[in-house]
Protein backbone atom coordinates (compact mmCIF):
# COMPACT_ATOMS: atom_id res chain seq x y z
CA UNK A 1 140.86 66.91 75.24
CA UNK A 2 141.82 68.57 72.26
CA UNK A 3 138.53 70.59 71.94
CA UNK A 4 138.99 71.66 75.72
CA UNK A 5 141.87 73.01 74.19
CA UNK A 6 140.97 75.17 71.32
CA UNK A 7 138.24 76.31 73.86
CA UNK A 8 140.69 77.60 75.53
CA UNK A 9 143.10 78.75 73.73
CA UNK A 10 140.68 81.08 71.73
CA UNK A 11 139.42 82.50 75.32
CA UNK A 12 142.86 83.41 75.39
CA UNK A 13 143.42 84.85 72.40
CA UNK A 14 139.70 87.05 73.11
CA UNK A 15 141.11 87.79 76.13
CA UNK A 16 144.04 89.21 74.72
CA UNK A 17 142.69 91.29 72.03
CA UNK A 18 139.93 93.26 73.70
CA UNK A 19 143.53 94.10 75.79
CA UNK A 20 144.30 96.26 73.06
CA UNK A 21 144.35 99.73 73.27
CA UNK A 22 141.88 101.40 71.52
CA UNK A 23 140.68 102.48 68.66
CA UNK A 24 139.87 107.27 68.11
CA UNK A 25 136.87 105.44 66.42
CA UNK A 26 135.63 102.82 68.91
CA UNK A 27 135.23 105.65 71.73
CA UNK A 28 131.59 105.20 72.73
CA UNK A 29 130.29 108.80 73.80
CA UNK A 30 128.67 108.99 77.22
CA UNK A 31 125.11 109.20 76.80
CA UNK A 32 124.49 111.89 80.23
CA UNK A 33 128.02 113.65 78.55
CA UNK A 34 125.96 116.63 77.01
CA UNK A 35 124.06 117.10 80.39
CA UNK A 36 127.27 117.15 82.08
CA UNK A 37 128.68 119.58 80.09
CA UNK A 38 126.22 122.00 79.87
CA UNK A 39 126.44 122.22 83.38
CA UNK A 40 129.88 122.76 83.58
CA UNK A 41 129.29 125.30 80.85
CA UNK A 42 126.78 127.31 82.51
CA UNK A 43 128.37 127.88 85.92
CA UNK A 44 131.82 128.34 83.15
CA UNK A 45 129.62 131.15 81.91
CA UNK A 46 127.63 132.51 85.80
CA UNK A 47 131.54 132.67 86.18
CA UNK A 48 132.87 134.95 84.18
CA UNK A 49 130.47 138.06 84.47
CA UNK A 50 129.57 138.22 80.91
CA UNK A 51 125.87 137.33 79.09
CA UNK A 52 126.80 134.55 77.15
CA UNK A 53 124.00 133.16 74.62
CA UNK A 54 122.54 129.48 73.95
CA UNK A 55 122.45 127.97 70.34
CA UNK A 56 119.30 124.77 70.20
CA UNK A 57 122.82 122.85 69.85
CA UNK A 58 124.73 123.65 73.10
CA UNK A 59 127.08 125.59 71.96
CA UNK A 60 127.55 129.20 74.03
CA UNK A 61 128.06 132.26 72.32
CA UNK A 62 128.53 135.93 72.88
CA UNK A 63 129.14 138.17 70.43
CA UNK A 64 131.80 141.18 70.86
CA UNK A 65 132.05 142.72 67.92
CA UNK A 66 129.01 141.39 64.93
CA UNK A 67 131.54 142.64 62.09
CA UNK A 68 130.04 142.88 59.00
CA UNK A 69 127.53 141.58 56.08
CA UNK A 70 129.88 139.36 54.36
CA UNK A 71 129.35 135.67 56.65
CA UNK A 72 130.82 132.02 55.97
CA UNK A 73 129.03 129.18 54.76
CA UNK A 74 130.95 126.08 55.67
CA UNK A 75 132.84 126.18 52.15
CA UNK A 76 134.09 129.50 52.66
CA UNK A 77 137.41 130.31 53.60
CA UNK A 78 138.15 132.24 56.57
CA UNK A 79 140.95 133.79 57.79
CA UNK A 80 140.60 134.16 61.64
CA UNK A 81 142.71 135.22 64.53
CA UNK A 82 141.64 133.03 67.93
CA UNK A 83 142.92 131.19 70.99
CA UNK A 84 141.74 128.35 72.88
CA UNK A 85 141.70 127.80 75.88
CA UNK A 86 140.13 125.30 78.14
CA UNK A 87 138.19 126.42 81.53
CA UNK A 88 140.93 125.90 83.84
CA UNK A 89 142.93 128.71 81.18
CA UNK A 90 145.41 126.84 79.75
CA UNK A 91 146.26 127.89 76.36
CA UNK A 92 145.74 124.88 73.84
CA UNK A 93 146.50 126.85 70.76
CA UNK A 94 145.99 130.00 69.95
CA UNK A 95 147.85 132.12 66.68
CA UNK A 96 150.87 134.32 67.84
CA UNK A 97 149.90 138.53 67.78
CA UNK A 98 148.96 140.18 65.03
CA UNK A 99 149.08 136.96 62.74
CA UNK A 100 146.63 135.67 60.98
CA UNK A 101 145.38 131.72 59.76
CA UNK A 102 143.45 130.72 56.46
CA UNK A 103 141.10 127.66 56.83
CA UNK A 104 138.06 125.83 55.15
CA UNK A 105 135.22 126.37 57.93
CA UNK A 106 133.47 122.89 57.02
CA UNK A 107 136.95 121.28 57.90
CA UNK A 108 136.94 122.48 61.69
CA UNK A 109 134.64 121.40 64.29
CA UNK A 110 131.55 121.60 65.14
CA UNK A 111 131.10 124.45 67.44
CA UNK A 112 133.36 126.79 64.90
CA UNK A 113 130.95 125.53 62.42
CA UNK A 114 127.83 126.73 63.98
CA UNK A 115 129.56 129.96 65.87
CA UNK A 116 131.04 131.56 63.86
CA UNK A 117 128.67 132.29 60.98
CA UNK A 118 127.10 134.81 63.87
CA UNK A 119 128.81 137.48 62.67
CA UNK A 120 130.57 139.02 60.01
CA UNK A 121 133.57 140.31 58.67
CA UNK A 122 135.88 141.80 60.65
CA UNK A 123 133.73 140.28 63.72
CA UNK A 124 134.77 138.87 66.88
CA UNK A 125 133.00 136.25 69.26
CA UNK A 126 133.83 134.09 72.37
CA UNK A 127 132.41 130.72 72.20
CA UNK A 128 131.93 127.89 74.70
CA UNK A 129 131.98 124.92 72.90
CA UNK A 130 130.82 121.60 74.42
CA UNK A 131 132.60 118.40 74.31
CA UNK A 132 130.54 116.86 71.22
CA UNK A 133 130.53 119.93 69.24
CA UNK A 134 134.63 120.07 70.10
CA UNK A 135 136.55 116.57 70.26
CA UNK A 136 134.57 114.74 72.24
CA UNK A 137 135.91 111.61 74.07
CA UNK A 138 138.72 111.09 71.80
CA UNK A 139 140.12 114.80 72.71
CA UNK A 140 142.73 116.05 70.75
CA UNK A 141 146.24 116.44 71.34
CA UNK A 142 146.53 118.48 75.07
CA UNK A 143 142.44 118.83 75.11
CA UNK A 144 141.65 116.20 77.00
CA UNK A 145 138.61 113.21 76.93
CA UNK A 146 135.08 115.00 77.16
CA UNK A 147 136.82 119.09 77.61
CA UNK A 148 134.35 121.65 76.95
CA UNK A 149 136.19 123.94 76.00
CA UNK A 150 136.90 127.77 75.31
CA UNK A 151 137.43 130.11 72.12
CA UNK A 152 137.96 133.65 70.89
CA UNK A 153 137.76 134.23 67.68
CA UNK A 154 138.42 137.38 65.88
CA UNK A 155 137.07 137.14 62.14
CA UNK A 156 139.34 138.98 59.72
CA UNK A 157 137.53 138.01 55.80
CA UNK A 158 135.93 135.42 53.72
CA UNK A 159 137.05 134.50 50.33
CA UNK A 160 133.92 132.45 49.24
């Protein structure tokens, strides 16, 4: 009887612990998410009326202004203006007015690490970023899990 009670108690503890909220590190990506994201992006780009290019990574981009020859590397500090939106047009982050902000490129999401070096200093780019190159199945703040996101980035300066 003691063994059965111990097994029952152990089962209850295991069941209860599986109901606890999961850590972001425990979120398992859907293996089909890249396919879903690509279909979403292709539809979005078609509706935009602009010609976007597809990077081998799955990032879609449109170079608005190529900028100069000075391009950032992952360790570079970049000075930028930007606006980030969900595909429904909801703005989730942006610099205000003519204000710029400075980041180290290697500390940013993969979509930016791939896209921003495609332009030079004083260039502008639009990025449609699949969730796997953005915030993935965990999401971030007001960005829901598995969200494809859009960014307009004005690359003001680079400090190598």
